Amino acid sequence: MILIGDRVRLAPLYDLVTFAPYRDEQPVYSAMRIGGEYDFARIGAAQCLDAARTLGVDESWAGDLLETMRRDVVGAFEAARDDLVRVDAGTRDAARWVVDAVAGLRHGRAL
């Protein structure tokens, strides 16, 4: 969840992409089912849109949002990496590892 002033928003993208560095080690499961799947490696656009329908979210709006997130997620993680490294240069390798893993998801189902 993300707190913005007095509003609360869900942060599902955080859950969907922060498993990326660990995806080759063993299956990583979501705490909740997304479009009928718990295994993050099996969650893709179809599962996200299925979850949107289940929750009563307009499918066209959800599809547009998903495409925006897919397009912008790597850049967002790169910006976060750059901010982190400016504050703590010792995090450079770990931050690069996460960004590379997130970028690798674009070739799979998850993004």
PDB file of N, CA and C in Angstrom:
ATOM      1  N   MET A   1       0.831  -1.172   0.000  1.00  0.00           N
ATOM      2  CA  MET A   1       0.000   0.000   0.000  1.00  0.00           C
ATOM      3  C   MET A   1       0.877   1.238   0.000  1.00  0.00           C
ATOM      4  N   ILE A   2       0.360   2.265  -0.634  1.00  0.00           N
ATOM      5  CA  ILE A   2       1.052   3.544  -0.699  1.00  0.00           C
ATOM      6  C   ILE A   2       0.144   4.595  -0.066  1.00  0.00           C
ATOM      7  N   LEU A   3       0.704   5.366   0.853  1.00  0.00           N
ATOM      8  CA  LEU A   3      -0.049   6.453   1.466  1.00  0.00           C
ATOM      9  C   LEU A   3       0.312   7.744   0.763  1.00  0.00           C
ATOM     10  N   ILE A   4      -0.694   8.422   0.224  1.00  0.00           N
ATOM     11  CA  ILE A   4      -0.499   9.703  -0.444  1.00  0.00           C
ATOM     12  C   ILE A   4      -1.430  10.693   0.241  1.00  0.00           C
ATOM     13  N   GLY A   5      -0.866  11.498   1.118  1.00  0.00           N
ATOM     14  CA  GLY A   5      -1.698  12.411   1.899  1.00  0.00           C
ATOM     15  C   GLY A   5      -2.674  11.613   2.735  1.00  0.00           C
ATOM     16  N   ASP A   6      -3.963  11.850   2.539  1.00  0.00           N
ATOM     17  CA  ASP A   6      -4.961  11.103   3.299  1.00  0.00           C
ATOM     18  C   ASP A   6      -5.569   9.971   2.469  1.00  0.00           C
ATOM     19  N   ARG A   7      -4.936   9.645   1.341  1.00  0.00           N
ATOM     20  CA  ARG A   7      -5.423   8.564   0.478  1.00  0.00           C
ATOM     21  C   ARG A   7      -4.521   7.338   0.595  1.00  0.00           C
ATOM     22  N   VAL A   8      -5.121   6.182   0.383  1.00  0.00           N
ATOM     23  CA  VAL A   8      -4.391   4.920   0.391  1.00  0.00           C
ATOM     24  C   VAL A   8      -4.573   4.276  -0.973  1.00  0.00           C
ATOM     25  N   ARG A   9      -3.459   3.837  -1.577  1.00  0.00           N
ATOM     26  CA  ARG A   9      -3.522   3.159  -2.868  1.00  0.00           C
ATOM     27  C   ARG A   9      -2.805   1.830  -2.758  1.00  0.00           C
ATOM     28  N   LEU A  10      -3.275   0.858  -3.502  1.00  0.00           N
ATOM     29  CA  LEU A  10      -2.597  -0.433  -3.555  1.00  0.00           C
ATOM     30  C   LEU A  10      -1.319  -0.292  -4.368  1.00  0.00           C
ATOM     31  N   ALA A  11      -0.337  -1.123  -4.074  1.00  0.00           N
ATOM     32  CA  ALA A  11       0.939  -1.094  -4.784  1.00  0.00           C
ATOM     33  C   ALA A  11       1.251  -2.482  -5.349  1.00  0.00           C
ATOM     34  N   PRO A  12       0.393  -3.016  -6.209  1.00  0.00           N
ATOM     35  CA  PRO A  12       0.624  -4.374  -6.703  1.00  0.00           C
ATOM     36  C   PRO A  12       1.869  -4.496  -7.560  1.00  0.00           C
ATOM     37  N   LEU A  13       2.274  -3.440  -8.242  1.00  0.00           N
ATOM     38  CA  LEU A  13       3.465  -3.516  -9.067  1.00  0.00           C
ATOM     39  C   LEU A  13       4.685  -3.845  -8.227  1.00  0.00           C
ATOM     40  N   TYR A  14       4.753  -3.301  -7.033  1.00  0.00           N
ATOM     41  CA  TYR A  14       5.879  -3.593  -6.142  1.00  0.00           C
ATOM     42  C   TYR A  14       5.993  -5.098  -5.924  1.00  0.00           C
ATOM     43  N   ASP A  15       4.874  -5.746  -5.607  1.00  0.00           N
ATOM     44  CA  ASP A  15       4.885  -7.188  -5.380  1.00  0.00           C
ATOM     45  C   ASP A  15       5.237  -7.954  -6.647  1.00  0.00           C
ATOM     46  N   LEU A  16       4.694  -7.508  -7.771  1.00  0.00           N
ATOM     47  CA  LEU A  16       4.906  -8.232  -9.018  1.00  0.00           C
ATOM     48  C   LEU A  16       6.341  -8.170  -9.519  1.00  0.00           C
ATOM     49  N   VAL A  17       7.041  -7.088  -9.270  1.00  0.00           N
ATOM     50  CA  VAL A  17       8.385  -6.985  -9.830  1.00  0.00           C
ATOM     51  C   VAL A  17       9.512  -7.192  -8.833  1.00  0.00           C
ATOM     52  N   THR A  18       9.266  -7.056  -7.548  1.00  0.00           N
ATOM     53  CA  THR A  18      10.377  -7.225  -6.615  1.00  0.00           C
ATOM     54  C   THR A  18      10.741  -8.685  -6.392  1.00  0.00           C
ATOM     55  N   PHE A  19       9.951  -9.612  -6.928  1.00  0.00           N
ATOM     56  CA  PHE A  19      10.355 -11.014  -6.883  1.00  0.00           C
ATOM     57  C   PHE A  19      11.396 -11.298  -7.970  1.00  0.00           C
ATOM     58  N   ALA A  20      11.577 -10.401  -8.901  1.00  0.00           N
ATOM     59  CA  ALA A  20      12.402 -10.628 -10.091  1.00  0.00           C
ATOM     60  C   ALA A  20      13.802 -11.171  -9.800  1.00  0.00           C
ATOM     61  N   PRO A  21      14.539 -10.616  -8.849  1.00  0.00           N
ATOM     62  CA  PRO A  21      15.890 -11.145  -8.622  1.00  0.00           C
ATOM     63  C   PRO A  21      15.913 -12.592  -8.115  1.00  0.00           C
ATOM     64  N   TYR A  22      14.789 -13.081  -7.642  1.00  0.00           N
ATOM     65  CA  TYR A  22      14.751 -14.405  -7.027  1.00  0.00           C
ATOM     66  C   TYR A  22      14.051 -15.442  -7.898  1.00  0.00           C
ATOM     67  N   ARG A  23      13.581 -15.068  -9.064  1.00  0.00           N
ATOM     68  CA  ARG A  23      12.718 -15.947  -9.848  1.00  0.00           C
ATOM     69  C   ARG A  23      13.408 -17.204 -10.332  1.00  0.00           C
ATOM     70  N   ASP A  24      14.720 -17.213 -10.484  1.00  0.00           N
ATOM     71  CA  ASP A  24      15.414 -18.403 -10.959  1.00  0.00           C
ATOM     72  C   ASP A  24      15.797 -19.365  -9.833  1.00  0.00           C
ATOM     73  N   GLU A  25      15.729 -18.897  -8.596  1.00  0.00           N
ATOM     74  CA  GLU A  25      16.157 -19.720  -7.477  1.00  0.00           C
ATOM     75  C   GLU A  25      15.104 -20.744  -7.068  1.00  0.00           C
ATOM     76  N   GLN A  26      13.868 -20.329  -6.971  1.00  0.00           N
ATOM     77  CA  GLN A  26      12.761 -21.196  -6.580  1.00  0.00           C
ATOM     78  C   GLN A  26      11.460 -20.452  -6.858  1.00  0.00           C
ATOM     79  N   PRO A  27      10.347 -21.160  -6.922  1.00  0.00           N
ATOM     80  CA  PRO A  27       9.086 -20.452  -7.150  1.00  0.00           C
ATOM     81  C   PRO A  27       8.833 -19.427  -6.045  1.00  0.00           C
ATOM     82  N   VAL A  28       8.298 -18.275  -6.444  1.00  0.00           N
ATOM     83  CA  VAL A  28       7.950 -17.220  -5.500  1.00  0.00           C
ATOM     84  C   VAL A  28       6.450 -17.001  -5.632  1.00  0.00           C
ATOM     85  N   TYR A  29       5.760 -17.035  -4.498  1.00  0.00           N
ATOM     86  CA  TYR A  29       4.302 -16.971  -4.513  1.00  0.00           C
ATOM     87  C   TYR A  29       3.786 -15.675  -3.903  1.00  0.00           C
ATOM     88  N   SER A  30       2.720 -15.192  -4.493  1.00  0.00           N
ATOM     89  CA  SER A  30       2.025 -14.019  -3.990  1.00  0.00           C
ATOM     90  C   SER A  30       1.213 -14.414  -2.760  1.00  0.00           C
ATOM     91  N   ALA A  31       0.967 -13.452  -1.894  1.00  0.00           N
ATOM     92  CA  ALA A  31       0.121 -13.707  -0.724  1.00  0.00           C
ATOM     93  C   ALA A  31      -1.341 -13.857  -1.133  1.00  0.00           C
ATOM     94  N   MET A  32      -1.672 -13.339  -2.321  1.00  0.00           N
ATOM     95  CA  MET A  32      -3.048 -13.455  -2.812  1.00  0.00           C
ATOM     96  C   MET A  32      -3.023 -13.908  -4.268  1.00  0.00           C
ATOM     97  N   ARG A  33      -4.079 -14.519  -4.694  1.00  0.00           N
ATOM     98  CA  ARG A  33      -4.187 -15.002  -6.057  1.00  0.00           C
ATOM     99  C   ARG A  33      -4.465 -13.823  -6.996  1.00  0.00           C
ATOM    100  N   ILE A  34      -3.782 -13.802  -8.117  1.00  0.00           N
ATOM    101  CA  ILE A  34      -3.987 -12.776  -9.141  1.00  0.00           C
ATOM    102  C   ILE A  34      -4.404 -13.498 -10.412  1.00  0.00           C
ATOM    103  N   GLY A  35      -5.663 -13.311 -10.795  1.00  0.00           N
ATOM    104  CA  GLY A  35      -6.168 -13.983 -11.982  1.00  0.00           C
ATOM    105  C   GLY A  35      -6.049 -15.491 -11.908  1.00  0.00           C
ATOM    106  N   GLY A  36      -6.249 -16.027 -10.721  1.00  0.00           N
ATOM    107  CA  GLY A  36      -6.208 -17.475 -10.536  1.00  0.00           C
ATOM    108  C   GLY A  36      -4.821 -18.034 -10.272  1.00  0.00           C
ATOM    109  N   GLU A  37      -3.800 -17.201 -10.204  1.00  0.00           N
ATOM    110  CA  GLU A  37      -2.422 -17.667 -10.016  1.00  0.00           C
ATOM    111  C   GLU A  37      -1.807 -17.096  -8.741  1.00  0.00           C
ATOM    112  N   TYR A  38      -1.030 -17.915  -8.078  1.00  0.00           N
ATOM    113  CA  TYR A  38      -0.223 -17.465  -6.940  1.00  0.00           C
ATOM    114  C   TYR A  38       1.249 -17.324  -7.330  1.00  0.00           C
ATOM    115  N   ASP A  39       1.693 -18.148  -8.278  1.00  0.00           N
ATOM    116  CA  ASP A  39       3.092 -18.188  -8.696  1.00  0.00           C
ATOM    117  C   ASP A  39       3.393 -16.945  -9.540  1.00  0.00           C
ATOM    118  N   PHE A  40       4.271 -16.064  -9.038  1.00  0.00           N
ATOM    119  CA  PHE A  40       4.561 -14.829  -9.748  1.00  0.00           C
ATOM    120  C   PHE A  40       5.046 -15.080 -11.178  1.00  0.00           C
ATOM    121  N   ALA A  41       5.784 -16.150 -11.404  1.00  0.00           N
ATOM    122  CA  ALA A  41       6.299 -16.435 -12.743  1.00  0.00           C
ATOM    123  C   ALA A  41       5.186 -16.746 -13.735  1.00  0.00           C
ATOM    124  N   ARG A  42       4.002 -17.061 -13.246  1.00  0.00           N
ATOM    125  CA  ARG A  42       2.876 -17.396 -14.115  1.00  0.00           C
ATOM    126  C   ARG A  42       1.850 -16.264 -14.219  1.00  0.00           C
ATOM    127  N   ILE A  43       2.141 -15.135 -13.585  1.00  0.00           N
ATOM    128  CA  ILE A  43       1.218 -14.004 -13.621  1.00  0.00           C
ATOM    129  C   ILE A  43       1.644 -13.065 -14.749  1.00  0.00           C
ATOM    130  N   GLY A  44       0.763 -12.872 -15.695  1.00  0.00           N
ATOM    131  CA  GLY A  44       1.024 -11.993 -16.830  1.00  0.00           C
ATOM    132  C   GLY A  44      -0.162 -11.075 -17.059  1.00  0.00           C
ATOM    133  N   ALA A  45      -0.215 -10.505 -18.243  1.00  0.00           N
ATOM    134  CA  ALA A  45      -1.285  -9.560 -18.575  1.00  0.00           C
ATOM    135  C   ALA A  45      -2.656 -10.203 -18.439  1.00  0.00           C
ATOM    136  N   ALA A  46      -2.804 -11.427 -18.927  1.00  0.00           N
ATOM    137  CA  ALA A  46      -4.115 -12.089 -18.875  1.00  0.00           C
ATOM    138  C   ALA A  46      -4.596 -12.246 -17.435  1.00  0.00           C
ATOM    139  N   GLN A  47      -3.698 -12.613 -16.537  1.00  0.00           N
ATOM    140  CA  GLN A  47      -4.077 -12.792 -15.139  1.00  0.00           C
ATOM    141  C   GLN A  47      -4.417 -11.448 -14.490  1.00  0.00           C
ATOM    142  N   CYS A  48      -3.668 -10.407 -14.838  1.00  0.00           N
ATOM    143  CA  CYS A  48      -3.962  -9.074 -14.293  1.00  0.00           C
ATOM    144  C   CYS A  48      -5.322  -8.578 -14.771  1.00  0.00           C
ATOM    145  N   LEU A  49      -5.618  -8.799 -16.041  1.00  0.00           N
ATOM    146  CA  LEU A  49      -6.913  -8.362 -16.571  1.00  0.00           C
ATOM    147  C   LEU A  49      -8.051  -9.195 -16.001  1.00  0.00           C
ATOM    148  N   ASP A  50      -7.801 -10.477 -15.765  1.00  0.00           N
ATOM    149  CA  ASP A  50      -8.812 -11.319 -15.125  1.00  0.00           C
ATOM    150  C   ASP A  50      -9.102 -10.812 -13.712  1.00  0.00           C
ATOM    151  N   ALA A  51      -8.054 -10.458 -12.989  1.00  0.00           N
ATOM    152  CA  ALA A  51      -8.239  -9.916 -11.639  1.00  0.00           C
ATOM    153  C   ALA A  51      -9.020  -8.599 -11.698  1.00  0.00           C
ATOM    154  N   ALA A  52      -8.735  -7.764 -12.680  1.00  0.00           N
ATOM    155  CA  ALA A  52      -9.464  -6.502 -12.826  1.00  0.00           C
ATOM    156  C   ALA A  52     -10.951  -6.762 -13.037  1.00  0.00           C
ATOM    157  N   ARG A  53     -11.282  -7.720 -13.915  1.00  0.00           N
ATOM    158  CA  ARG A  53     -12.693  -8.060 -14.149  1.00  0.00           C
ATOM    159  C   ARG A  53     -13.348  -8.546 -12.870  1.00  0.00           C
ATOM    160  N   THR A  54     -12.648  -9.415 -12.150  1.00  0.00           N
ATOM    161  CA  THR A  54     -13.177  -9.954 -10.896  1.00  0.00           C
ATOM    162  C   THR A  54     -13.471  -8.846  -9.889  1.00  0.00           C
ATOM    163  N   LEU A  55     -12.625  -7.829  -9.876  1.00  0.00           N
ATOM    164  CA  LEU A  55     -12.777  -6.719  -8.935  1.00  0.00           C
ATOM    165  C   LEU A  55     -13.713  -5.629  -9.456  1.00  0.00           C
ATOM    166  N   GLY A  56     -14.257  -5.820 -10.644  1.00  0.00           N
ATOM    167  CA  GLY A  56     -15.188  -4.841 -11.200  1.00  0.00           C
ATOM    168  C   GLY A  56     -14.524  -3.614 -11.790  1.00  0.00           C
ATOM    169  N   VAL A  57     -13.247  -3.733 -12.139  1.00  0.00           N
ATOM    170  CA  VAL A  57     -12.513  -2.627 -12.744  1.00  0.00           C
ATOM    171  C   VAL A  57     -12.719  -2.682 -14.251  1.00  0.00           C
ATOM    172  N   ASP A  58     -12.954  -1.540 -14.862  1.00  0.00           N
ATOM    173  CA  ASP A  58     -13.147  -1.469 -16.302  1.00  0.00           C
ATOM    174  C   ASP A  58     -11.954  -2.101 -17.021  1.00  0.00           C
ATOM    175  N   GLU A  59     -12.223  -3.074 -17.881  1.00  0.00           N
ATOM    176  CA  GLU A  59     -11.151  -3.832 -18.528  1.00  0.00           C
ATOM    177  C   GLU A  59     -10.299  -2.966 -19.455  1.00  0.00           C
ATOM    178  N   SER A  60     -10.924  -2.041 -20.158  1.00  0.00           N
ATOM    179  CA  SER A  60     -10.172  -1.159 -21.048  1.00  0.00           C
ATOM    180  C   SER A  60      -9.223  -0.269 -20.248  1.00  0.00           C
ATOM    181  N   TRP A  61      -9.732   0.305 -19.161  1.00  0.00           N
ATOM    182  CA  TRP A  61      -8.905   1.151 -18.301  1.00  0.00           C
ATOM    183  C   TRP A  61      -7.753   0.326 -17.706  1.00  0.00           C
ATOM    184  N   ALA A  62      -8.062  -0.878 -17.239  1.00  0.00           N
ATOM    185  CA  ALA A  62      -7.038  -1.746 -16.646  1.00  0.00           C
ATOM    186  C   ALA A  62      -5.978  -2.109 -17.684  1.00  0.00           C
ATOM    187  N   GLY A  63      -6.409  -2.399 -18.911  1.00  0.00           N
ATOM    188  CA  GLY A  63      -5.456  -2.731 -19.976  1.00  0.00           C
ATOM    189  C   GLY A  63      -4.533  -1.567 -20.291  1.00  0.00           C
ATOM    190  N   ASP A  64      -5.107  -0.364 -20.350  1.00  0.00           N
ATOM    191  CA  ASP A  64      -4.285   0.830 -20.604  1.00  0.00           C
ATOM    192  C   ASP A  64      -3.290   1.061 -19.473  1.00  0.00           C
ATOM    193  N   LEU A  65      -3.745   0.902 -18.235  1.00  0.00           N
ATOM    194  CA  LEU A  65      -2.862   1.072 -17.084  1.00  0.00           C
ATOM    195  C   LEU A  65      -1.746   0.035 -17.094  1.00  0.00           C
ATOM    196  N   LEU A  66      -2.092  -1.201 -17.404  1.00  0.00           N
ATOM    197  CA  LEU A  66      -1.094  -2.272 -17.464  1.00  0.00           C
ATOM    198  C   LEU A  66      -0.036  -1.952 -18.520  1.00  0.00           C
ATOM    199  N   GLU A  67      -0.444  -1.487 -19.688  1.00  0.00           N
ATOM    200  CA  GLU A  67       0.516  -1.131 -20.734  1.00  0.00           C
ATOM    201  C   GLU A  67       1.416   0.019 -20.302  1.00  0.00           C
ATOM    202  N   THR A  68       0.848   0.995 -19.619  1.00  0.00           N
ATOM    203  CA  THR A  68       1.647   2.110 -19.106  1.00  0.00           C
ATOM    204  C   THR A  68       2.680   1.607 -18.108  1.00  0.00           C
ATOM    205  N   MET A  69       2.256   0.735 -17.206  1.00  0.00           N
ATOM    206  CA  MET A  69       3.192   0.191 -16.215  1.00  0.00           C
ATOM    207  C   MET A  69       4.275  -0.640 -16.896  1.00  0.00           C
ATOM    208  N   ARG A  70       3.894  -1.462 -17.868  1.00  0.00           N
ATOM    209  CA  ARG A  70       4.885  -2.277 -18.576  1.00  0.00           C
ATOM    210  C   ARG A  70       5.903  -1.391 -19.276  1.00  0.00           C
ATOM    211  N   ARG A  71       5.444  -0.298 -19.846  1.00  0.00           N
ATOM    212  CA  ARG A  71       6.325   0.607 -20.575  1.00  0.00           C
ATOM    213  C   ARG A  71       7.272   1.341 -19.625  1.00  0.00           C
ATOM    214  N   ASP A  72       6.770   1.731 -18.457  1.00  0.00           N
ATOM    215  CA  ASP A  72       7.512   2.634 -17.590  1.00  0.00           C
ATOM    216  C   ASP A  72       8.230   1.980 -16.408  1.00  0.00           C
ATOM    217  N   VAL A  73       7.987   0.707 -16.148  1.00  0.00           N
ATOM    218  CA  VAL A  73       8.501   0.101 -14.923  1.00  0.00           C
ATOM    219  C   VAL A  73      10.028   0.077 -14.861  1.00  0.00           C
ATOM    220  N   VAL A  74      10.686  -0.265 -15.946  1.00  0.00           N
ATOM    221  CA  VAL A  74      12.145  -0.337 -15.906  1.00  0.00           C
ATOM    222  C   VAL A  74      12.726   1.050 -15.633  1.00  0.00           C
ATOM    223  N   GLY A  75      12.201   2.073 -16.295  1.00  0.00           N
ATOM    224  CA  GLY A  75      12.671   3.434 -16.052  1.00  0.00           C
ATOM    225  C   GLY A  75      12.460   3.874 -14.615  1.00  0.00           C
ATOM    226  N   ALA A  76      11.325   3.473 -14.024  1.00  0.00           N
ATOM    227  CA  ALA A  76      11.049   3.826 -12.628  1.00  0.00           C
ATOM    228  C   ALA A  76      12.070   3.161 -11.702  1.00  0.00           C
ATOM    229  N   PHE A  77      12.378   1.900 -11.963  1.00  0.00           N
ATOM    230  CA  PHE A  77      13.374   1.219 -11.132  1.00  0.00           C
ATOM    231  C   PHE A  77      14.770   1.778 -11.366  1.00  0.00           C
ATOM    232  N   GLU A  78      15.074   2.190 -12.592  1.00  0.00           N
ATOM    233  CA  GLU A  78      16.369   2.827 -12.856  1.00  0.00           C
ATOM    234  C   GLU A  78      16.494   4.139 -12.095  1.00  0.00           C
ATOM    235  N   ALA A  79      15.429   4.930 -12.084  1.00  0.00           N
ATOM    236  CA  ALA A  79      15.449   6.200 -11.351  1.00  0.00           C
ATOM    237  C   ALA A  79      15.623   5.957  -9.854  1.00  0.00           C
ATOM    238  N   ALA A  80      14.919   4.940  -9.326  1.00  0.00           N
ATOM    239  CA  ALA A  80      15.059   4.612  -7.901  1.00  0.00           C
ATOM    240  C   ALA A  80      16.479   4.150  -7.600  1.00  0.00           C
ATOM    241  N   ARG A  81      17.054   3.345  -8.501  1.00  0.00           N
ATOM    242  CA  ARG A  81      18.443   2.892  -8.326  1.00  0.00           C
ATOM    243  C   ARG A  81      19.377   4.091  -8.275  1.00  0.00           C
ATOM    244  N   ASP A  82      19.221   5.012  -9.215  1.00  0.00           N
ATOM    245  CA  ASP A  82      20.107   6.174  -9.271  1.00  0.00           C
ATOM    246  C   ASP A  82      19.992   7.023  -8.011  1.00  0.00           C
ATOM    247  N   ASP A  83      18.770   7.208  -7.506  1.00  0.00           N
ATOM    248  CA  ASP A  83      18.575   7.949  -6.257  1.00  0.00           C
ATOM    249  C   ASP A  83      19.253   7.249  -5.094  1.00  0.00           C
ATOM    250  N   LEU A  84      19.105   5.943  -5.032  1.00  0.00           N
ATOM    251  CA  LEU A  84      19.693   5.167  -3.942  1.00  0.00           C
ATOM    252  C   LEU A  84      21.216   5.228  -3.972  1.00  0.00           C
ATOM    253  N   VAL A  85      21.786   5.067  -5.144  1.00  0.00           N
ATOM    254  CA  VAL A  85      23.247   5.065  -5.276  1.00  0.00           C
ATOM    255  C   VAL A  85      23.832   6.431  -4.929  1.00  0.00           C
ATOM    256  N   ARG A  86      23.087   7.511  -5.221  1.00  0.00           N
ATOM    257  CA  ARG A  86      23.568   8.847  -4.839  1.00  0.00           C
ATOM    258  C   ARG A  86      23.665   8.978  -3.319  1.00  0.00           C
ATOM    259  N   VAL A  87      22.789   8.315  -2.607  1.00  0.00           N
ATOM    260  CA  VAL A  87      22.775   8.398  -1.149  1.00  0.00           C
ATOM    261  C   VAL A  87      23.755   7.399  -0.536  1.00  0.00           C
ATOM    262  N   ASP A  88      23.878   6.225  -1.145  1.00  0.00           N
ATOM    263  CA  ASP A  88      24.724   5.161  -0.600  1.00  0.00           C
ATOM    264  C   ASP A  88      25.376   4.402  -1.751  1.00  0.00           C
ATOM    265  N   ALA A  89      26.582   4.807  -2.128  1.00  0.00           N
ATOM    266  CA  ALA A  89      27.271   4.197  -3.266  1.00  0.00           C
ATOM    267  C   ALA A  89      27.512   2.706  -3.071  1.00  0.00           C
ATOM    268  N   GLY A  90      27.513   2.242  -1.843  1.00  0.00           N
ATOM    269  CA  GLY A  90      27.725   0.823  -1.565  1.00  0.00           C
ATOM    270  C   GLY A  90      26.590  -0.063  -2.045  1.00  0.00           C
ATOM    271  N   THR A  91      25.476   0.548  -2.430  1.00  0.00           N
ATOM    272  CA  THR A  91      24.329  -0.233  -2.902  1.00  0.00           C
ATOM    273  C   THR A  91      24.336  -0.437  -4.416  1.00  0.00           C
ATOM    274  N   ARG A  92      25.339   0.092  -5.091  1.00  0.00           N
ATOM    275  CA  ARG A  92      25.378   0.082  -6.557  1.00  0.00           C
ATOM    276  C   ARG A  92      25.159  -1.314  -7.138  1.00  0.00           C
ATOM    277  N   ASP A  93      25.894  -2.316  -6.674  1.00  0.00           N
ATOM    278  CA  ASP A  93      25.782  -3.659  -7.254  1.00  0.00           C
ATOM    279  C   ASP A  93      24.416  -4.284  -6.992  1.00  0.00           C
ATOM    280  N   ALA A  94      23.927  -4.147  -5.769  1.00  0.00           N
ATOM    281  CA  ALA A  94      22.611  -4.712  -5.448  1.00  0.00           C
ATOM    282  C   ALA A  94      21.514  -4.008  -6.237  1.00  0.00           C
ATOM    283  N   ALA A  95      21.603  -2.706  -6.362  1.00  0.00           N
ATOM    284  CA  ALA A  95      20.595  -1.953  -7.104  1.00  0.00           C
ATOM    285  C   ALA A  95      20.629  -2.324  -8.585  1.00  0.00           C
ATOM    286  N   ARG A  96      21.807  -2.499  -9.135  1.00  0.00           N
ATOM    287  CA  ARG A  96      21.933  -2.907 -10.540  1.00  0.00           C
ATOM    288  C   ARG A  96      21.328  -4.294 -10.735  1.00  0.00           C
ATOM    289  N   TRP A  97      21.550  -5.189  -9.782  1.00  0.00           N
ATOM    290  CA  TRP A  97      21.012  -6.554  -9.838  1.00  0.00           C
ATOM    291  C   TRP A  97      19.485  -6.528  -9.913  1.00  0.00           C
ATOM    292  N   VAL A  98      18.859  -5.699  -9.085  1.00  0.00           N
ATOM    293  CA  VAL A  98      17.403  -5.597  -9.083  1.00  0.00           C
ATOM    294  C   VAL A  98      16.904  -5.029 -10.410  1.00  0.00           C
ATOM    295  N   VAL A  99      17.503  -3.936 -10.882  1.00  0.00           N
ATOM    296  CA  VAL A  99      17.053  -3.318 -12.133  1.00  0.00           C
ATOM    297  C   VAL A  99      17.220  -4.283 -13.308  1.00  0.00           C
ATOM    298  N   ASP A 100      18.337  -4.981 -13.366  1.00  0.00           N
ATOM    299  CA  ASP A 100      18.551  -5.943 -14.453  1.00  0.00           C
ATOM    300  C   ASP A 100      17.510  -7.056 -14.408  1.00  0.00           C
ATOM    301  N   ALA A 101      17.174  -7.501 -13.209  1.00  0.00           N
ATOM    302  CA  ALA A 101      16.168  -8.556 -13.065  1.00  0.00           C
ATOM    303  C   ALA A 101      14.791  -8.071 -13.496  1.00  0.00           C
ATOM    304  N   VAL A 102      14.430  -6.849 -13.121  1.00  0.00           N
ATOM    305  CA  VAL A 102      13.141  -6.284 -13.524  1.00  0.00           C
ATOM    306  C   VAL A 102      13.099  -6.129 -15.046  1.00  0.00           C
ATOM    307  N   ALA A 103      14.187  -5.641 -15.634  1.00  0.00           N
ATOM    308  CA  ALA A 103      14.237  -5.506 -17.091  1.00  0.00           C
ATOM    309  C   ALA A 103      14.082  -6.871 -17.760  1.00  0.00           C
ATOM    310  N   GLY A 104      14.622  -7.914 -17.146  1.00  0.00           N
ATOM    311  CA  GLY A 104      14.493  -9.263 -17.695  1.00  0.00           C
ATOM    312  C   GLY A 104      13.068  -9.785 -17.694  1.00  0.00           C
ATOM    313  N   LEU A 105      12.239  -9.265 -16.820  1.00  0.00           N
ATOM    314  CA  LEU A 105      10.840  -9.696 -16.779  1.00  0.00           C
ATOM    315  C   LEU A 105      10.092  -9.313 -18.056  1.00  0.00           C
ATOM    316  N   ARG A 106      10.515  -8.255 -18.693  1.00  0.00           N
ATOM    317  CA  ARG A 106       9.817  -7.811 -19.907  1.00  0.00           C
ATOM    318  C   ARG A 106       9.820  -8.888 -20.977  1.00  0.00           C
ATOM    319  N   HIS A 107      10.776  -9.812 -20.892  1.00  0.00           N
ATOM    320  CA  HIS A 107      10.850 -10.889 -21.882  1.00  0.00           C
ATOM    321  C   HIS A 107      10.023 -12.095 -21.461  1.00  0.00           C
ATOM    322  N   GLY A 108       9.503 -12.077 -20.250  1.00  0.00           N
ATOM    323  CA  GLY A 108       8.696 -13.181 -19.749  1.00  0.00           C
ATOM    324  C   GLY A 108       7.242 -12.777 -19.629  1.00  0.00           C
ATOM    325  N   ARG A 109       6.504 -13.527 -18.870  1.00  0.00           N
ATOM    326  CA  ARG A 109       5.065 -13.296 -18.712  1.00  0.00           C
ATOM    327  C   ARG A 109       4.740 -12.178 -17.742  1.00  0.00           C
ATOM    328  N   ALA A 110       5.555 -12.011 -16.722  1.00  0.00           N
ATOM    329  CA  ALA A 110       5.166 -11.147 -15.610  1.00  0.00           C
ATOM    330  C   ALA A 110       4.995  -9.681 -15.995  1.00  0.00           C
ATOM    331  N   LEU A 111       5.714  -9.207 -16.985  1.00  0.00           N
ATOM    332  CA  LEU A 111       5.529  -7.820 -17.404  1.00  0.00           C
ATOM    333  C   LEU A 111       5.124  -7.842 -18.823  1.00  0.00           C
TER     334      LEU A 111
END
